[in-house]
Amino acid sequence: MSNYSLPVILFSREEAWKAEVLVYLQKVKEAMEEKCYAFEYLVTVKMVEIWYLMISNLSEVEQKSSEHNLVKQQRMQAMLNFIHDNYQNPITITDISSTAHISVGECCRCFKQMIHTSPYEYLSNYRINQSIDLLNNTDYSITEISGMVGFGYTSQFIGQFKKRVLLTPAKYRMNRVK
């Protein structure tokens, strides 16, 4: 997991092996939520299968990243770790770029090149994903969740949520209960 020479992989259902990884990840999530007998072993087996699929589907070219890509991947890891550790707080792109000791422009280029999105979009998507977990598993109000995941204004949270999920948080929660 700390081998920065491996490329960032975006998972989608378009490629068969990536879709298979997503299925395994869903099974891991379900096993952890259900806590069935010996679920730890099931999770371990599925994680090994995921690693096998990833490693076996990387071409030699992707596996032999240049020194330049290695540095970019290390920077990306630092910036993503910063976002994951601080998403609840107000974060600027300057804050994100500072963690990797690069300029704002280089930060934006790294995000676009490595994960095909902007730092702001990544942060916003991460916050929305965290809010979905809270909506599914807690009884906190929409306003409380908005603040917990780092949105300054509830209206901003609702707008971003609706843009990504196509429902307001309240409607999403109602649909999940049914």
C-alpha atoms as a PDB file:
ATOM      1  CA  MET A   1       0.000   0.000   0.000  1.00  0.00           C
ATOM      2  CA  SER A   2       2.936   2.330   0.474  1.00  0.00           C
ATOM      3  CA  ASN A   3       4.520   1.404  -2.861  1.00  0.00           C
ATOM      4  CA  TYR A   4       4.282   4.739  -4.628  1.00  0.00           C
ATOM      5  CA  SER A   5       5.508   3.268  -7.885  1.00  0.00           C
ATOM      6  CA  LEU A   6       2.060   1.756  -8.453  1.00  0.00           C
ATOM      7  CA  PRO A   7      -0.258   4.124 -10.294  1.00  0.00           C
ATOM      8  CA  VAL A   8      -3.493   5.550  -8.969  1.00  0.00           C
ATOM      9  CA  ILE A   9      -6.365   3.433 -10.230  1.00  0.00           C
ATOM     10  CA  LEU A  10      -9.826   4.853 -10.787  1.00  0.00           C
ATOM     11  CA  PHE A  11     -12.464   2.156 -10.437  1.00  0.00           C
ATOM     12  CA  SER A  12     -15.531   2.122 -12.617  1.00  0.00           C
ATOM     13  CA  ARG A  13     -17.781  -0.558 -14.021  1.00  0.00           C
ATOM     14  CA  GLU A  14     -16.582  -0.049 -17.621  1.00  0.00           C
ATOM     15  CA  GLU A  15     -13.698  -2.530 -17.332  1.00  0.00           C
ATOM     16  CA  ALA A  16     -14.554  -6.062 -16.200  1.00  0.00           C
ATOM     17  CA  TRP A  17     -11.716  -6.453 -13.697  1.00  0.00           C
ATOM     18  CA  LYS A  18     -12.438  -3.069 -12.115  1.00  0.00           C
ATOM     19  CA  ALA A  19     -16.123  -3.950 -11.829  1.00  0.00           C
ATOM     20  CA  GLU A  20     -15.066  -7.207 -10.149  1.00  0.00           C
ATOM     21  CA  VAL A  21     -12.973  -5.241  -7.630  1.00  0.00           C
ATOM     22  CA  LEU A  22     -15.998  -3.076  -6.838  1.00  0.00           C
ATOM     23  CA  VAL A  23     -18.074  -6.218  -6.213  1.00  0.00           C
ATOM     24  CA  TYR A  24     -15.407  -7.546  -3.835  1.00  0.00           C
ATOM     25  CA  LEU A  25     -15.284  -4.207  -2.028  1.00  0.00           C
ATOM     26  CA  GLN A  26     -19.055  -4.332  -1.569  1.00  0.00           C
ATOM     27  CA  LYS A  27     -18.719  -7.854  -0.133  1.00  0.00           C
ATOM     28  CA  VAL A  28     -16.021  -6.616   2.253  1.00  0.00           C
ATOM     29  CA  LYS A  29     -18.287  -3.784   3.388  1.00  0.00           C
ATOM     30  CA  GLU A  30     -21.219  -6.152   3.893  1.00  0.00           C
ATOM     31  CA  ALA A  31     -19.106  -8.654   5.849  1.00  0.00           C
ATOM     32  CA  MET A  32     -17.836  -5.898   8.118  1.00  0.00           C
ATOM     33  CA  GLU A  33     -21.342  -4.524   8.706  1.00  0.00           C
ATOM     34  CA  GLU A  34     -22.940  -7.924   9.343  1.00  0.00           C
ATOM     35  CA  LYS A  35     -20.059  -9.203  11.481  1.00  0.00           C
ATOM     36  CA  CYS A  36     -20.899 -12.782  10.520  1.00  0.00           C
ATOM     37  CA  TYR A  37     -18.967 -15.670  12.044  1.00  0.00           C
ATOM     38  CA  ALA A  38     -15.241 -15.347  11.216  1.00  0.00           C
ATOM     39  CA  PHE A  39     -15.923 -12.246   9.101  1.00  0.00           C
ATOM     40  CA  GLU A  40     -12.293 -11.214   9.562  1.00  0.00           C
ATOM     41  CA  TYR A  41     -11.206 -14.168   7.419  1.00  0.00           C
ATOM     42  CA  LEU A  42     -13.758 -13.355   4.750  1.00  0.00           C
ATOM     43  CA  VAL A  43     -12.530  -9.761   4.642  1.00  0.00           C
ATOM     44  CA  THR A  44      -8.908 -10.928   4.411  1.00  0.00           C
ATOM     45  CA  VAL A  45      -9.688 -13.322   1.547  1.00  0.00           C
ATOM     46  CA  LYS A  46     -11.587 -10.658  -0.395  1.00  0.00           C
ATOM     47  CA  MET A  47      -8.786  -8.122   0.118  1.00  0.00           C
ATOM     48  CA  VAL A  48      -6.219 -10.604  -1.207  1.00  0.00           C
ATOM     49  CA  GLU A  49      -8.443 -11.209  -4.240  1.00  0.00           C
ATOM     50  CA  ILE A  50      -8.660  -7.439  -4.786  1.00  0.00           C
ATOM     51  CA  TRP A  51      -4.872  -7.078  -4.625  1.00  0.00           C
ATOM     52  CA  TYR A  52      -4.439  -9.993  -7.029  1.00  0.00           C
ATOM     53  CA  LEU A  53      -6.852  -8.441  -9.530  1.00  0.00           C
ATOM     54  CA  MET A  54      -5.116  -5.083  -9.306  1.00  0.00           C
ATOM     55  CA  ILE A  55      -1.578  -6.418  -9.629  1.00  0.00           C
ATOM     56  CA  SER A  56      -2.417  -8.881 -12.396  1.00  0.00           C
ATOM     57  CA  ASN A  57      -4.124  -6.180 -14.465  1.00  0.00           C
ATOM     58  CA  LEU A  58      -1.411  -3.565 -14.308  1.00  0.00           C
ATOM     59  CA  SER A  59       0.722  -3.502 -17.412  1.00  0.00           C
ATOM     60  CA  GLU A  60       4.503  -3.482 -17.150  1.00  0.00           C
ATOM     61  CA  VAL A  61       4.498   0.112 -18.322  1.00  0.00           C
ATOM     62  CA  GLU A  62       2.210   1.134 -15.440  1.00  0.00           C
ATOM     63  CA  GLN A  63       4.276  -0.839 -12.937  1.00  0.00           C
ATOM     64  CA  LYS A  64       7.497   0.899 -13.975  1.00  0.00           C
ATOM     65  CA  SER A  65       6.613   4.452 -13.102  1.00  0.00           C
ATOM     66  CA  SER A  66       9.272   7.030 -13.680  1.00  0.00           C
ATOM     67  CA  GLU A  67      10.944   8.876 -10.824  1.00  0.00           C
ATOM     68  CA  HIS A  68       8.856  11.907 -11.769  1.00  0.00           C
ATOM     69  CA  ASN A  69       5.608   9.953 -11.358  1.00  0.00           C
ATOM     70  CA  LEU A  70       6.858   8.547  -8.075  1.00  0.00           C
ATOM     71  CA  VAL A  71       7.260  12.088  -6.725  1.00  0.00           C
ATOM     72  CA  LYS A  72       3.794  13.054  -7.991  1.00  0.00           C
ATOM     73  CA  GLN A  73       2.264   9.995  -6.365  1.00  0.00           C
ATOM     74  CA  GLN A  74       3.953  10.793  -3.065  1.00  0.00           C
ATOM     75  CA  ARG A  75       2.616  14.336  -3.298  1.00  0.00           C
ATOM     76  CA  MET A  76      -0.873  13.070  -4.101  1.00  0.00           C
ATOM     77  CA  GLN A  77      -0.785  10.691  -1.154  1.00  0.00           C
ATOM     78  CA  ALA A  78       0.204  13.529   1.176  1.00  0.00           C
ATOM     79  CA  MET A  79      -2.571  15.771  -0.170  1.00  0.00           C
ATOM     80  CA  LEU A  80      -5.222  13.042  -0.029  1.00  0.00           C
ATOM     81  CA  ASN A  81      -4.194  12.119   3.509  1.00  0.00           C
ATOM     82  CA  PHE A  82      -4.513  15.775   4.483  1.00  0.00           C
ATOM     83  CA  ILE A  83      -8.027  15.941   3.018  1.00  0.00           C
ATOM     84  CA  HIS A  84      -9.095  12.690   4.699  1.00  0.00           C
ATOM     85  CA  ASP A  85      -7.738  13.843   8.054  1.00  0.00           C
ATOM     86  CA  ASN A  86      -9.123  17.394   7.892  1.00  0.00           C
ATOM     87  CA  TYR A  87     -12.277  17.339   5.741  1.00  0.00           C
ATOM     88  CA  GLN A  88     -14.401  18.408   8.735  1.00  0.00           C
ATOM     89  CA  ASN A  89     -12.558  21.746   8.889  1.00  0.00           C
ATOM     90  CA  PRO A  90     -12.472  24.644   6.454  1.00  0.00           C
ATOM     91  CA  ILE A  91      -9.815  23.748   3.847  1.00  0.00           C
ATOM     92  CA  THR A  92      -8.415  25.860   1.035  1.00  0.00           C
ATOM     93  CA  ILE A  93      -6.476  24.671  -1.997  1.00  0.00           C
ATOM     94  CA  THR A  94      -3.491  26.506  -0.497  1.00  0.00           C
ATOM     95  CA  ASP A  95      -3.802  24.304   2.609  1.00  0.00           C
ATOM     96  CA  ILE A  96      -3.871  21.196   0.431  1.00  0.00           C
ATOM     97  CA  SER A  97      -0.912  22.250  -1.732  1.00  0.00           C
ATOM     98  CA  SER A  98       1.132  23.236   1.323  1.00  0.00           C
ATOM     99  CA  THR A  99       1.049  19.678   2.657  1.00  0.00           C
ATOM    100  CA  ALA A 100       2.971  18.542  -0.432  1.00  0.00           C
ATOM    101  CA  HIS A 101       5.167  21.673  -0.497  1.00  0.00           C
ATOM    102  CA  ILE A 102       4.003  22.654  -3.978  1.00  0.00           C
ATOM    103  CA  SER A 103       2.239  25.615  -5.552  1.00  0.00           C
ATOM    104  CA  VAL A 104      -1.524  25.807  -5.957  1.00  0.00           C
ATOM    105  CA  GLY A 105      -1.097  25.457  -9.721  1.00  0.00           C
ATOM    106  CA  GLU A 106       1.001  22.296  -9.373  1.00  0.00           C
ATOM    107  CA  CYS A 107      -1.534  20.949  -6.871  1.00  0.00           C
ATOM    108  CA  CYS A 108      -4.348  21.415  -9.394  1.00  0.00           C
ATOM    109  CA  ARG A 109      -2.249  19.821 -12.163  1.00  0.00           C
ATOM    110  CA  CYS A 110      -1.458  16.811  -9.960  1.00  0.00           C
ATOM    111  CA  PHE A 111      -5.119  16.262  -9.128  1.00  0.00           C
ATOM    112  CA  LYS A 112      -6.184  16.596 -12.768  1.00  0.00           C
ATOM    113  CA  GLN A 113      -3.422  14.285 -14.014  1.00  0.00           C
ATOM    114  CA  MET A 114      -3.574  11.657 -11.281  1.00  0.00           C
ATOM    115  CA  ILE A 115      -7.266  11.407 -10.337  1.00  0.00           C
ATOM    116  CA  HIS A 116      -8.945  13.404 -13.109  1.00  0.00           C
ATOM    117  CA  THR A 117     -10.639  15.953 -10.883  1.00  0.00           C
ATOM    118  CA  SER A 118      -9.827  19.204  -9.104  1.00  0.00           C
ATOM    119  CA  PRO A 119      -8.820  19.373  -5.438  1.00  0.00           C
ATOM    120  CA  TYR A 120     -12.067  21.186  -4.630  1.00  0.00           C
ATOM    121  CA  GLU A 121     -14.190  18.561  -6.414  1.00  0.00           C
ATOM    122  CA  TYR A 122     -12.345  15.753  -4.642  1.00  0.00           C
ATOM    123  CA  LEU A 123     -12.832  17.427  -1.259  1.00  0.00           C
ATOM    124  CA  SER A 124     -16.501  18.059  -1.945  1.00  0.00           C
ATOM    125  CA  ASN A 125     -17.068  14.468  -3.129  1.00  0.00           C
ATOM    126  CA  TYR A 126     -15.259  13.132  -0.068  1.00  0.00           C
ATOM    127  CA  ARG A 127     -17.419  15.258   2.219  1.00  0.00           C
ATOM    128  CA  ILE A 128     -20.580  14.064   0.468  1.00  0.00           C
ATOM    129  CA  ASN A 129     -19.475  10.426   0.819  1.00  0.00           C
ATOM    130  CA  GLN A 130     -18.864  10.965   4.532  1.00  0.00           C
ATOM    131  CA  SER A 131     -22.289  12.592   4.859  1.00  0.00           C
ATOM    132  CA  ILE A 132     -23.941   9.603   3.166  1.00  0.00           C
ATOM    133  CA  ASP A 133     -22.446   7.350   5.820  1.00  0.00           C
ATOM    134  CA  LEU A 134     -23.798   9.655   8.549  1.00  0.00           C
ATOM    135  CA  LEU A 135     -27.228   9.852   6.896  1.00  0.00           C
ATOM    136  CA  ASN A 136     -27.372   6.050   6.706  1.00  0.00           C
ATOM    137  CA  ASN A 137     -26.083   5.283  10.179  1.00  0.00           C
ATOM    138  CA  THR A 138     -27.048   8.129  12.508  1.00  0.00           C
ATOM    139  CA  ASP A 139     -30.004  10.269  13.474  1.00  0.00           C
ATOM    140  CA  TYR A 140     -28.111  13.564  13.295  1.00  0.00           C
ATOM    141  CA  SER A 141     -30.026  16.391  11.652  1.00  0.00           C
ATOM    142  CA  ILE A 142     -29.082  17.591   8.166  1.00  0.00           C
ATOM    143  CA  THR A 143     -27.658  20.772   9.702  1.00  0.00           C
ATOM    144  CA  GLU A 144     -25.528  18.800  12.162  1.00  0.00           C
ATOM    145  CA  ILE A 145     -24.219  16.525   9.410  1.00  0.00           C
ATOM    146  CA  SER A 146     -23.466  19.526   7.225  1.00  0.00           C
ATOM    147  CA  GLY A 147     -21.210  20.945   9.923  1.00  0.00           C
ATOM    148  CA  MET A 148     -19.682  17.571  10.789  1.00  0.00           C
ATOM    149  CA  VAL A 149     -18.455  17.023   7.225  1.00  0.00           C
ATOM    150  CA  GLY A 150     -17.034  20.510   6.801  1.00  0.00           C
ATOM    151  CA  PHE A 151     -19.623  22.496   4.906  1.00  0.00           C
ATOM    152  CA  GLY A 152     -19.841  26.071   6.148  1.00  0.00           C
ATOM    153  CA  TYR A 153     -23.499  26.471   5.255  1.00  0.00           C
ATOM    154  CA  THR A 154     -26.286  23.913   5.231  1.00  0.00           C
ATOM    155  CA  SER A 155     -27.593  25.332   1.951  1.00  0.00           C
ATOM    156  CA  GLN A 156     -24.167  24.733   0.380  1.00  0.00           C
ATOM    157  CA  PHE A 157     -24.211  21.142   1.655  1.00  0.00           C
ATOM    158  CA  ILE A 158     -27.721  20.517   0.312  1.00  0.00           C
ATOM    159  CA  GLY A 159     -26.779  21.992  -3.084  1.00  0.00           C
ATOM    160  CA  GLN A 160     -23.597  19.909  -3.380  1.00  0.00           C
ATOM    161  CA  PHE A 161     -25.400  16.780  -2.168  1.00  0.00           C
ATOM    162  CA  LYS A 162     -28.219  17.221  -4.685  1.00  0.00           C
ATOM    163  CA  LYS A 163     -25.708  17.885  -7.482  1.00  0.00           C
ATOM    164  CA  ARG A 164     -23.948  14.555  -6.812  1.00  0.00           C
ATOM    165  CA  VAL A 165     -26.718  12.273  -5.528  1.00  0.00           C
ATOM    166  CA  LEU A 166     -29.643  13.863  -7.413  1.00  0.00           C
ATOM    167  CA  LEU A 167     -31.659  14.015  -4.182  1.00  0.00           C
ATOM    168  CA  THR A 168     -31.647  16.329  -1.205  1.00  0.00           C
ATOM    169  CA  PRO A 169     -30.149  14.795   1.957  1.00  0.00           C
ATOM    170  CA  ALA A 170     -33.608  14.599   3.536  1.00  0.00           C
ATOM    171  CA  LYS A 171     -35.090  12.768   0.527  1.00  0.00           C
ATOM    172  CA  TYR A 172     -32.050  10.494   0.400  1.00  0.00           C
ATOM    173  CA  ARG A 173     -32.545   9.579   4.059  1.00  0.00           C
ATOM    174  CA  MET A 174     -36.275   8.976   3.546  1.00  0.00           C
ATOM    175  CA  ASN A 175     -35.577   6.699   0.565  1.00  0.00           C
ATOM    176  CA  ARG A 176     -32.959   4.733   2.537  1.00  0.00           C
ATOM    177  CA  VAL A 177     -35.427   4.082   5.380  1.00  0.00           C
ATOM    178  CA  LYS A 178     -38.022   2.491   3.074  1.00  0.00           C
END
